[in-house]
Amino acid sequence: MSELIFEVTRECDGGFVAECLTESIVTEADTWEVLRLNVREVVKGYYFDAPEKAPDSIHLHLLCESPENGRDLDARLERMRSGNEVSLDAARKLHDTLSEQGL
């Protein structure tokens, strides 16, 4: 099963930015609901020429930066990017799963 993981950050203006950790895919939206739709559309467009390579699932990880946990999240993100940690169980608190078949 293939999957894409997006890091989602909240902008100062209240909107959201989603950036894929493994591909050059970025999108944004003013609301969480619109962001979910935008991510699906941009992924569909990214794999337009090779639909067989499209992921089975898409995960959105909302990063909640605070003075207490900001450094821990940055360290975890770096480990995920380097392939040393990909624990979906540990990240369930931070992600929302989109499924091409389910949504």
PDB file of N, CA and C in Angstrom:
ATOM      1  N   MET A   1       0.838  -1.172   0.000  1.00  0.00           N
ATOM      2  CA  MET A   1       0.000   0.000   0.000  1.00  0.00           C
ATOM      3  C   MET A   1       0.887   1.240   0.000  1.00  0.00           C
ATOM      4  N   SER A   2       0.604   2.161  -0.902  1.00  0.00           N
ATOM      5  CA  SER A   2       1.373   3.394  -0.941  1.00  0.00           C
ATOM      6  C   SER A   2       0.585   4.502  -0.244  1.00  0.00           C
ATOM      7  N   GLU A   3       1.321   5.450   0.281  1.00  0.00           N
ATOM      8  CA  GLU A   3       0.681   6.554   0.975  1.00  0.00           C
ATOM      9  C   GLU A   3       1.511   7.815   0.825  1.00  0.00           C
ATOM     10  N   LEU A   4       0.858   8.945   0.949  1.00  0.00           N
ATOM     11  CA  LEU A   4       1.528  10.233   1.005  1.00  0.00           C
ATOM     12  C   LEU A   4       1.217  10.863   2.348  1.00  0.00           C
ATOM     13  N   ILE A   5       2.219  11.486   2.933  1.00  0.00           N
ATOM     14  CA  ILE A   5       2.050  12.167   4.205  1.00  0.00           C
ATOM     15  C   ILE A   5       2.304  13.653   3.973  1.00  0.00           C
ATOM     16  N   PHE A   6       1.348  14.468   4.421  1.00  0.00           N
ATOM     17  CA  PHE A   6       1.463  15.920   4.306  1.00  0.00           C
ATOM     18  C   PHE A   6       1.627  16.533   5.685  1.00  0.00           C
ATOM     19  N   GLU A   7       2.555  17.450   5.800  1.00  0.00           N
ATOM     20  CA  GLU A   7       2.716  18.264   7.000  1.00  0.00           C
ATOM     21  C   GLU A   7       1.816  19.483   6.821  1.00  0.00           C
ATOM     22  N   VAL A   8       0.945  19.723   7.767  1.00  0.00           N
ATOM     23  CA  VAL A   8       0.019  20.851   7.685  1.00  0.00           C
ATOM     24  C   VAL A   8       0.359  21.852   8.781  1.00  0.00           C
ATOM     25  N   THR A   9       0.521  23.093   8.386  1.00  0.00           N
ATOM     26  CA  THR A   9       0.771  24.159   9.347  1.00  0.00           C
ATOM     27  C   THR A   9      -0.325  25.202   9.222  1.00  0.00           C
ATOM     28  N   ARG A  10      -0.620  25.853  10.322  1.00  0.00           N
ATOM     29  CA  ARG A  10      -1.616  26.922  10.330  1.00  0.00           C
ATOM     30  C   ARG A  10      -0.888  28.242  10.110  1.00  0.00           C
ATOM     31  N   GLU A  11      -1.389  29.011   9.175  1.00  0.00           N
ATOM     32  CA  GLU A  11      -0.797  30.303   8.857  1.00  0.00           C
ATOM     33  C   GLU A  11      -1.273  31.368   9.852  1.00  0.00           C
ATOM     34  N   CYS A  12      -0.563  32.463   9.909  1.00  0.00           N
ATOM     35  CA  CYS A  12      -0.921  33.567  10.808  1.00  0.00           C
ATOM     36  C   CYS A  12      -2.329  34.091  10.523  1.00  0.00           C
ATOM     37  N   ASP A  13      -2.737  34.053   9.258  1.00  0.00           N
ATOM     38  CA  ASP A  13      -4.056  34.551   8.880  1.00  0.00           C
ATOM     39  C   ASP A  13      -5.173  33.551   9.155  1.00  0.00           C
ATOM     40  N   GLY A  14      -4.826  32.385   9.703  1.00  0.00           N
ATOM     41  CA  GLY A  14      -5.823  31.381  10.035  1.00  0.00           C
ATOM     42  C   GLY A  14      -5.970  30.293   9.002  1.00  0.00           C
ATOM     43  N   GLY A  15      -5.392  30.448   7.830  1.00  0.00           N
ATOM     44  CA  GLY A  15      -5.465  29.430   6.794  1.00  0.00           C
ATOM     45  C   GLY A  15      -4.504  28.286   7.073  1.00  0.00           C
ATOM     46  N   PHE A  16      -4.484  27.318   6.181  1.00  0.00           N
ATOM     47  CA  PHE A  16      -3.630  26.141   6.320  1.00  0.00           C
ATOM     48  C   PHE A  16      -2.773  25.954   5.076  1.00  0.00           C
ATOM     49  N   VAL A  17      -1.560  25.421   5.279  1.00  0.00           N
ATOM     50  CA  VAL A  17      -0.676  25.040   4.181  1.00  0.00           C
ATOM     51  C   VAL A  17      -0.302  23.581   4.378  1.00  0.00           C
ATOM     52  N   ALA A  18      -0.462  22.774   3.321  1.00  0.00           N
ATOM     53  CA  ALA A  18      -0.110  21.353   3.376  1.00  0.00           C
ATOM     54  C   ALA A  18       1.037  21.098   2.417  1.00  0.00           C
ATOM     55  N   GLU A  19       2.114  20.488   2.937  1.00  0.00           N
ATOM     56  CA  GLU A  19       3.293  20.180   2.127  1.00  0.00           C
ATOM     57  C   GLU A  19       3.605  18.702   2.255  1.00  0.00           C
ATOM     58  N   CYS A  20       3.681  18.024   1.122  1.00  0.00           N
ATOM     59  CA  CYS A  20       3.996  16.599   1.113  1.00  0.00           C
ATOM     60  C   CYS A  20       5.447  16.393   1.543  1.00  0.00           C
ATOM     61  N   LEU A  21       5.676  15.359   2.338  1.00  0.00           N
ATOM     62  CA  LEU A  21       7.034  15.089   2.831  1.00  0.00           C
ATOM     63  C   LEU A  21       7.903  14.345   1.828  1.00  0.00           C
ATOM     64  N   THR A  22       7.288  13.703   0.834  1.00  0.00           N
ATOM     65  CA  THR A  22       8.069  12.871  -0.085  1.00  0.00           C
ATOM     66  C   THR A  22       8.026  13.320  -1.534  1.00  0.00           C
ATOM     67  N   GLU A  23       7.069  14.156  -1.907  1.00  0.00           N
ATOM     68  CA  GLU A  23       6.937  14.645  -3.276  1.00  0.00           C
ATOM     69  C   GLU A  23       6.868  16.167  -3.247  1.00  0.00           C
ATOM     70  N   SER A  24       7.051  16.786  -4.394  1.00  0.00           N
ATOM     71  CA  SER A  24       6.978  18.251  -4.485  1.00  0.00           C
ATOM     72  C   SER A  24       5.531  18.675  -4.700  1.00  0.00           C
ATOM     73  N   ILE A  25       4.723  18.504  -3.661  1.00  0.00           N
ATOM     74  CA  ILE A  25       3.303  18.843  -3.722  1.00  0.00           C
ATOM     75  C   ILE A  25       2.986  19.755  -2.544  1.00  0.00           C
ATOM     76  N   VAL A  26       2.421  20.920  -2.857  1.00  0.00           N
ATOM     77  CA  VAL A  26       2.051  21.897  -1.829  1.00  0.00           C
ATOM     78  C   VAL A  26       0.708  22.500  -2.215  1.00  0.00           C
ATOM     79  N   THR A  27      -0.147  22.718  -1.231  1.00  0.00           N
ATOM     80  CA  THR A  27      -1.413  23.417  -1.466  1.00  0.00           C
ATOM     81  C   THR A  27      -1.805  24.161  -0.203  1.00  0.00           C
ATOM     82  N   GLU A  28      -2.823  24.996  -0.309  1.00  0.00           N
ATOM     83  CA  GLU A  28      -3.268  25.780   0.836  1.00  0.00           C
ATOM     84  C   GLU A  28      -4.771  25.995   0.763  1.00  0.00           C
ATOM     85  N   ALA A  29      -5.341  26.417   1.883  1.00  0.00           N
ATOM     86  CA  ALA A  29      -6.774  26.718   1.939  1.00  0.00           C
ATOM     87  C   ALA A  29      -7.064  27.532   3.184  1.00  0.00           C
ATOM     88  N   ASP A  30      -8.233  28.159   3.193  1.00  0.00           N
ATOM     89  CA  ASP A  30      -8.649  28.953   4.344  1.00  0.00           C
ATOM     90  C   ASP A  30      -9.255  28.104   5.450  1.00  0.00           C
ATOM     91  N   THR A  31      -9.830  26.944   5.089  1.00  0.00           N
ATOM     92  CA  THR A  31     -10.460  26.077   6.081  1.00  0.00           C
ATOM     93  C   THR A  31      -9.929  24.656   5.943  1.00  0.00           C
ATOM     94  N   TRP A  32     -10.107  23.870   7.005  1.00  0.00           N
ATOM     95  CA  TRP A  32      -9.658  22.478   7.017  1.00  0.00           C
ATOM     96  C   TRP A  32     -10.401  21.667   5.947  1.00  0.00           C
ATOM     97  N   GLU A  33     -11.705  21.888   5.816  1.00  0.00           N
ATOM     98  CA  GLU A  33     -12.503  21.136   4.852  1.00  0.00           C
ATOM     99  C   GLU A  33     -12.039  21.398   3.423  1.00  0.00           C
ATOM    100  N   VAL A  34     -11.789  22.662   3.113  1.00  0.00           N
ATOM    101  CA  VAL A  34     -11.317  23.007   1.773  1.00  0.00           C
ATOM    102  C   VAL A  34      -9.897  22.482   1.562  1.00  0.00           C
ATOM    103  N   LEU A  35      -9.071  22.494   2.601  1.00  0.00           N
ATOM    104  CA  LEU A  35      -7.720  21.951   2.482  1.00  0.00           C
ATOM    105  C   LEU A  35      -7.776  20.473   2.097  1.00  0.00           C
ATOM    106  N   ARG A  36      -8.647  19.707   2.739  1.00  0.00           N
ATOM    107  CA  ARG A  36      -8.780  18.284   2.409  1.00  0.00           C
ATOM    108  C   ARG A  36      -9.126  18.098   0.933  1.00  0.00           C
ATOM    109  N   LEU A  37     -10.061  18.898   0.446  1.00  0.00           N
ATOM    110  CA  LEU A  37     -10.438  18.815  -0.973  1.00  0.00           C
ATOM    111  C   LEU A  37      -9.278  19.222  -1.875  1.00  0.00           C
ATOM    112  N   ASN A  38      -8.587  20.300  -1.509  1.00  0.00           N
ATOM    113  CA  ASN A  38      -7.454  20.767  -2.308  1.00  0.00           C
ATOM    114  C   ASN A  38      -6.342  19.729  -2.380  1.00  0.00           C
ATOM    115  N   VAL A  39      -6.062  19.060  -1.256  1.00  0.00           N
ATOM    116  CA  VAL A  39      -5.020  18.026  -1.245  1.00  0.00           C
ATOM    117  C   VAL A  39      -5.402  16.903  -2.207  1.00  0.00           C
ATOM    118  N   ARG A  40      -6.637  16.450  -2.139  1.00  0.00           N
ATOM    119  CA  ARG A  40      -7.073  15.387  -3.053  1.00  0.00           C
ATOM    120  C   ARG A  40      -6.915  15.805  -4.508  1.00  0.00           C
ATOM    121  N   GLU A  41      -7.322  17.035  -4.820  1.00  0.00           N
ATOM    122  CA  GLU A  41      -7.242  17.516  -6.203  1.00  0.00           C
ATOM    123  C   GLU A  41      -5.797  17.663  -6.680  1.00  0.00           C
ATOM    124  N   VAL A  42      -4.932  18.219  -5.833  1.00  0.00           N
ATOM    125  CA  VAL A  42      -3.547  18.426  -6.247  1.00  0.00           C
ATOM    126  C   VAL A  42      -2.818  17.089  -6.403  1.00  0.00           C
ATOM    127  N   VAL A  43      -3.142  16.104  -5.571  1.00  0.00           N
ATOM    128  CA  VAL A  43      -2.539  14.773  -5.708  1.00  0.00           C
ATOM    129  C   VAL A  43      -3.034  14.115  -7.000  1.00  0.00           C
ATOM    130  N   LYS A  44      -4.313  14.247  -7.273  1.00  0.00           N
ATOM    131  CA  LYS A  44      -4.878  13.699  -8.511  1.00  0.00           C
ATOM    132  C   LYS A  44      -4.183  14.322  -9.723  1.00  0.00           C
ATOM    133  N   GLY A  45      -3.982  15.638  -9.689  1.00  0.00           N
ATOM    134  CA  GLY A  45      -3.291  16.316 -10.778  1.00  0.00           C
ATOM    135  C   GLY A  45      -1.832  15.916 -10.900  1.00  0.00           C
ATOM    136  N   TYR A  46      -1.169  15.724  -9.765  1.00  0.00           N
ATOM    137  CA  TYR A  46       0.249  15.343  -9.759  1.00  0.00           C
ATOM    138  C   TYR A  46       0.457  13.993 -10.441  1.00  0.00           C
ATOM    139  N   TYR A  47      -0.481  13.077 -10.239  1.00  0.00           N
ATOM    140  CA  TYR A  47      -0.361  11.730 -10.805  1.00  0.00           C
ATOM    141  C   TYR A  47      -1.206  11.557 -12.067  1.00  0.00           C
ATOM    142  N   PHE A  48      -1.591  12.652 -12.705  1.00  0.00           N
ATOM    143  CA  PHE A  48      -2.442  12.595 -13.887  1.00  0.00           C
ATOM    144  C   PHE A  48      -1.850  11.713 -14.984  1.00  0.00           C
ATOM    145  N   ASP A  49      -0.555  11.849 -15.255  1.00  0.00           N
ATOM    146  CA  ASP A  49       0.099  11.079 -16.316  1.00  0.00           C
ATOM    147  C   ASP A  49       0.463   9.662 -15.908  1.00  0.00           C
ATOM    148  N   ALA A  50       0.397   9.366 -14.625  1.00  0.00           N
ATOM    149  CA  ALA A  50       0.756   8.025 -14.132  1.00  0.00           C
ATOM    150  C   ALA A  50      -0.196   7.623 -13.004  1.00  0.00           C
ATOM    151  N   PRO A  51      -1.476   7.433 -13.310  1.00  0.00           N
ATOM    152  CA  PRO A  51      -2.445   7.127 -12.249  1.00  0.00           C
ATOM    153  C   PRO A  51      -2.140   5.840 -11.498  1.00  0.00           C
ATOM    154  N   GLU A  52      -1.413   4.936 -12.115  1.00  0.00           N
ATOM    155  CA  GLU A  52      -1.052   3.693 -11.419  1.00  0.00           C
ATOM    156  C   GLU A  52      -0.083   3.941 -10.266  1.00  0.00           C
ATOM    157  N   LYS A  53       0.575   5.084 -10.243  1.00  0.00           N
ATOM    158  CA  LYS A  53       1.500   5.438  -9.165  1.00  0.00           C
ATOM    159  C   LYS A  53       0.832   6.250  -8.057  1.00  0.00           C
ATOM    160  N   ALA A  54      -0.441   6.587  -8.247  1.00  0.00           N
ATOM    161  CA  ALA A  54      -1.159   7.380  -7.237  1.00  0.00           C
ATOM    162  C   ALA A  54      -1.235   6.606  -5.922  1.00  0.00           C
ATOM    163  N   PRO A  55      -1.181   7.312  -4.803  1.00  0.00           N
ATOM    164  CA  PRO A  55      -1.191   6.637  -3.500  1.00  0.00           C
ATOM    165  C   PRO A  55      -2.559   6.038  -3.172  1.00  0.00           C
ATOM    166  N   ASP A  56      -2.531   5.007  -2.342  1.00  0.00           N
ATOM    167  CA  ASP A  56      -3.769   4.404  -1.844  1.00  0.00           C
ATOM    168  C   ASP A  56      -4.394   5.265  -0.756  1.00  0.00           C
ATOM    169  N   SER A  57      -3.554   5.988  -0.018  1.00  0.00           N
ATOM    170  CA  SER A  57      -4.064   6.829   1.058  1.00  0.00           C
ATOM    171  C   SER A  57      -3.215   8.086   1.189  1.00  0.00           C
ATOM    172  N   ILE A  58      -3.839   9.092   1.787  1.00  0.00           N
ATOM    173  CA  ILE A  58      -3.195  10.379   2.017  1.00  0.00           C
ATOM    174  C   ILE A  58      -3.405  10.724   3.487  1.00  0.00           C
ATOM    175  N   HIS A  59      -2.349  11.113   4.175  1.00  0.00           N
ATOM    176  CA  HIS A  59      -2.430  11.452   5.593  1.00  0.00           C
ATOM    177  C   HIS A  59      -2.043  12.916   5.777  1.00  0.00           C
ATOM    178  N   LEU A  60      -2.873  13.637   6.513  1.00  0.00           N
ATOM    179  CA  LEU A  60      -2.580  15.021   6.861  1.00  0.00           C
ATOM    180  C   LEU A  60      -2.183  15.078   8.326  1.00  0.00           C
ATOM    181  N   HIS A  61      -1.001  15.621   8.595  1.00  0.00           N
ATOM    182  CA  HIS A  61      -0.503  15.756   9.962  1.00  0.00           C
ATOM    183  C   HIS A  61      -0.497  17.230  10.324  1.00  0.00           C
ATOM    184  N   LEU A  62      -1.413  17.620  11.195  1.00  0.00           N
ATOM    185  CA  LEU A  62      -1.483  19.005  11.641  1.00  0.00           C
ATOM    186  C   LEU A  62      -0.462  19.208  12.745  1.00  0.00           C
ATOM    187  N   LEU A  63       0.500  20.071  12.478  1.00  0.00           N
ATOM    188  CA  LEU A  63       1.528  20.361  13.473  1.00  0.00           C
ATOM    189  C   LEU A  63       1.023  21.445  14.404  1.00  0.00           C
ATOM    190  N   CYS A  64       1.034  21.145  15.686  1.00  0.00           N
ATOM    191  CA  CYS A  64       0.582  22.091  16.709  1.00  0.00           C
ATOM    192  C   CYS A  64       1.802  22.609  17.435  1.00  0.00           C
ATOM    193  N   GLU A  65       2.353  23.671  16.942  1.00  0.00           N
ATOM    194  CA  GLU A  65       3.561  24.229  17.543  1.00  0.00           C
ATOM    195  C   GLU A  65       3.213  24.998  18.806  1.00  0.00           C
ATOM    196  N   SER A  66       3.968  24.764  19.839  1.00  0.00           N
ATOM    197  CA  SER A  66       3.869  25.531  21.069  1.00  0.00           C
ATOM    198  C   SER A  66       5.261  25.594  21.668  1.00  0.00           C
ATOM    199  N   PRO A  67       5.502  26.509  22.594  1.00  0.00           N
ATOM    200  CA  PRO A  67       6.836  26.587  23.184  1.00  0.00           C
ATOM    201  C   PRO A  67       7.270  25.268  23.807  1.00  0.00           C
ATOM    202  N   GLU A  68       6.327  24.500  24.370  1.00  0.00           N
ATOM    203  CA  GLU A  68       6.699  23.255  25.038  1.00  0.00           C
ATOM    204  C   GLU A  68       7.035  22.137  24.060  1.00  0.00           C
ATOM    205  N   ASN A  69       6.291  22.039  22.939  1.00  0.00           N
ATOM    206  CA  ASN A  69       6.489  20.872  22.087  1.00  0.00           C
ATOM    207  C   ASN A  69       7.023  21.197  20.700  1.00  0.00           C
ATOM    208  N   GLY A  70       7.263  22.435  20.368  1.00  0.00           N
ATOM    209  CA  GLY A  70       7.734  22.797  19.041  1.00  0.00           C
ATOM    210  C   GLY A  70       9.004  22.088  18.633  1.00  0.00           C
ATOM    211  N   ARG A  71       9.971  22.016  19.538  1.00  0.00           N
ATOM    212  CA  ARG A  71      11.231  21.352  19.200  1.00  0.00           C
ATOM    213  C   ARG A  71      11.048  19.855  19.042  1.00  0.00           C
ATOM    214  N   ASP A  72      10.187  19.236  19.863  1.00  0.00           N
ATOM    215  CA  ASP A  72       9.928  17.803  19.730  1.00  0.00           C
ATOM    216  C   ASP A  72       9.298  17.486  18.389  1.00  0.00           C
ATOM    217  N   LEU A  73       8.346  18.320  17.942  1.00  0.00           N
ATOM    218  CA  LEU A  73       7.707  18.087  16.647  1.00  0.00           C
ATOM    219  C   LEU A  73       8.695  18.276  15.515  1.00  0.00           C
ATOM    220  N   ASP A  74       9.551  19.286  15.616  1.00  0.00           N
ATOM    221  CA  ASP A  74      10.556  19.486  14.579  1.00  0.00           C
ATOM    222  C   ASP A  74      11.494  18.286  14.493  1.00  0.00           C
ATOM    223  N   ALA A  75      11.895  17.746  15.630  1.00  0.00           N
ATOM    224  CA  ALA A  75      12.778  16.583  15.642  1.00  0.00           C
ATOM    225  C   ALA A  75      12.078  15.364  15.055  1.00  0.00           C
ATOM    226  N   ARG A  76      10.805  15.155  15.405  1.00  0.00           N
ATOM    227  CA  ARG A  76      10.051  14.020  14.862  1.00  0.00           C
ATOM    228  C   ARG A  76       9.895  14.154  13.347  1.00  0.00           C
ATOM    229  N   LEU A  77       9.582  15.363  12.879  1.00  0.00           N
ATOM    230  CA  LEU A  77       9.436  15.585  11.446  1.00  0.00           C
ATOM    231  C   LEU A  77      10.744  15.277  10.722  1.00  0.00           C
ATOM    232  N   GLU A  78      11.863  15.695  11.284  1.00  0.00           N
ATOM    233  CA  GLU A  78      13.150  15.423  10.657  1.00  0.00           C
ATOM    234  C   GLU A  78      13.416  13.920  10.596  1.00  0.00           C
ATOM    235  N   ARG A  79      13.072  13.181  11.657  1.00  0.00           N
ATOM    236  CA  ARG A  79      13.249  11.721  11.641  1.00  0.00           C
ATOM    237  C   ARG A  79      12.350  11.078  10.597  1.00  0.00           C
ATOM    238  N   MET A  80      11.118  11.597  10.451  1.00  0.00           N
ATOM    239  CA  MET A  80      10.210  11.054   9.441  1.00  0.00           C
ATOM    240  C   MET A  80      10.751  11.308   8.047  1.00  0.00           C
ATOM    241  N   ARG A  81      11.264  12.519   7.819  1.00  0.00           N
ATOM    242  CA  ARG A  81      11.813  12.853   6.497  1.00  0.00           C
ATOM    243  C   ARG A  81      13.022  11.984   6.163  1.00  0.00           C
ATOM    244  N   SER A  82      13.821  11.655   7.163  1.00  0.00           N
ATOM    245  CA  SER A  82      15.015  10.857   6.908  1.00  0.00           C
ATOM    246  C   SER A  82      14.708   9.365   6.852  1.00  0.00           C
ATOM    247  N   GLY A  83      13.458   8.994   7.131  1.00  0.00           N
ATOM    248  CA  GLY A  83      13.075   7.584   7.061  1.00  0.00           C
ATOM    249  C   GLY A  83      13.362   6.813   8.324  1.00  0.00           C
ATOM    250  N   ASN A  84      13.824   7.481   9.372  1.00  0.00           N
ATOM    251  CA  ASN A  84      14.153   6.794  10.614  1.00  0.00           C
ATOM    252  C   ASN A  84      12.954   6.578  11.513  1.00  0.00           C
ATOM    253  N   GLU A  85      11.840   7.275  11.248  1.00  0.00           N
ATOM    254  CA  GLU A  85      10.640   7.074  12.052  1.00  0.00           C
ATOM    255  C   GLU A  85       9.416   7.359  11.208  1.00  0.00           C
ATOM    256  N   VAL A  86       8.590   6.385  11.057  1.00  0.00           N
ATOM    257  CA  VAL A  86       7.292   6.581  10.425  1.00  0.00           C
ATOM    258  C   VAL A  86       6.316   5.779  11.260  1.00  0.00           C
ATOM    259  N   SER A  87       5.842   6.376  12.331  1.00  0.00           N
ATOM    260  CA  SER A  87       4.932   5.705  13.249  1.00  0.00           C
ATOM    261  C   SER A  87       3.564   6.357  13.131  1.00  0.00           C
ATOM    262  N   LEU A  88       2.685   5.732  12.378  1.00  0.00           N
ATOM    263  CA  LEU A  88       1.354   6.292  12.219  1.00  0.00           C
ATOM    264  C   LEU A  88       0.566   6.235  13.513  1.00  0.00           C
ATOM    265  N   ASP A  89       0.828   5.220  14.352  1.00  0.00           N
ATOM    266  CA  ASP A  89       0.136   5.154  15.636  1.00  0.00           C
ATOM    267  C   ASP A  89       0.476   6.371  16.486  1.00  0.00           C
ATOM    268  N   ALA A  90       1.750   6.734  16.525  1.00  0.00           N
ATOM    269  CA  ALA A  90       2.168   7.883  17.328  1.00  0.00           C
ATOM    270  C   ALA A  90       1.667   9.188  16.730  1.00  0.00           C
ATOM    271  N   ALA A  91       1.449   9.220  15.426  1.00  0.00           N
ATOM    272  CA  ALA A  91       1.035  10.448  14.764  1.00  0.00           C
ATOM    273  C   ALA A  91      -0.478  10.573  14.607  1.00  0.00           C
ATOM    274  N   ARG A  92      -1.232   9.577  15.078  1.00  0.00           N
ATOM    275  CA  ARG A  92      -2.690   9.616  14.905  1.00  0.00           C
ATOM    276  C   ARG A  92      -3.312  10.867  15.495  1.00  0.00           C
ATOM    277  N   LYS A  93      -2.729  11.401  16.537  1.00  0.00           N
ATOM    278  CA  LYS A  93      -3.263  12.611  17.147  1.00  0.00           C
ATOM    279  C   LYS A  93      -3.107  13.810  16.225  1.00  0.00           C
ATOM    280  N   LEU A  94      -2.204  13.719  15.272  1.00  0.00           N
ATOM    281  CA  LEU A  94      -1.893  14.861  14.416  1.00  0.00           C
ATOM    282  C   LEU A  94      -2.375  14.701  12.975  1.00  0.00           C
ATOM    283  N   HIS A  95      -2.991  13.603  12.639  1.00  0.00           N
ATOM    284  CA  HIS A  95      -3.340  13.435  11.234  1.00  0.00           C
ATOM    285  C   HIS A  95      -4.812  13.135  10.998  1.00  0.00           C
ATOM    286  N   ASP A  96      -5.200  13.409   9.815  1.00  0.00           N
ATOM    287  CA  ASP A  96      -6.540  13.097   9.358  1.00  0.00           C
ATOM    288  C   ASP A  96      -6.342  12.317   8.062  1.00  0.00           C
ATOM    289  N   THR A  97      -6.979  11.175   7.973  1.00  0.00           N
ATOM    290  CA  THR A  97      -6.737  10.318   6.837  1.00  0.00           C
ATOM    291  C   THR A  97      -7.739  10.588   5.725  1.00  0.00           C
ATOM    292  N   LEU A  98      -7.186  10.772   4.537  1.00  0.00           N
ATOM    293  CA  LEU A  98      -8.008  10.876   3.343  1.00  0.00           C
ATOM    294  C   LEU A  98      -7.793   9.620   2.518  1.00  0.00           C
ATOM    295  N   SER A  99      -8.822   9.097   1.983  1.00  0.00           N
ATOM    296  CA  SER A  99      -8.695   7.923   1.131  1.00  0.00           C
ATOM    297  C   SER A  99      -9.352   8.215  -0.201  1.00  0.00           C
ATOM    298  N   GLU A 100      -8.662   7.983  -1.265  1.00  0.00           N
ATOM    299  CA  GLU A 100      -9.229   8.225  -2.578  1.00  0.00           C
ATOM    300  C   GLU A 100     -10.515   7.428  -2.785  1.00  0.00           C
ATOM    301  N   GLN A 101     -10.594   6.281  -2.175  1.00  0.00           N
ATOM    302  CA  GLN A 101     -11.787   5.449  -2.341  1.00  0.00           C
ATOM    303  C   GLN A 101     -12.869   5.824  -1.343  1.00  0.00           C
ATOM    304  N   GLY A 102     -12.512   6.351  -0.209  1.00  0.00           N
ATOM    305  CA  GLY A 102     -13.476   6.628   0.841  1.00  0.00           C
ATOM    306  C   GLY A 102     -14.085   8.018   0.804  1.00  0.00           C
ATOM    307  N   LEU A 103     -13.454   8.943   0.111  1.00  0.00           N
ATOM    308  CA  LEU A 103     -13.973  10.330   0.119  1.00  0.00           C
ATOM    309  C   LEU A 103     -14.309  10.795  -1.254  1.00  0.00           C
TER     310      LEU A 103
END
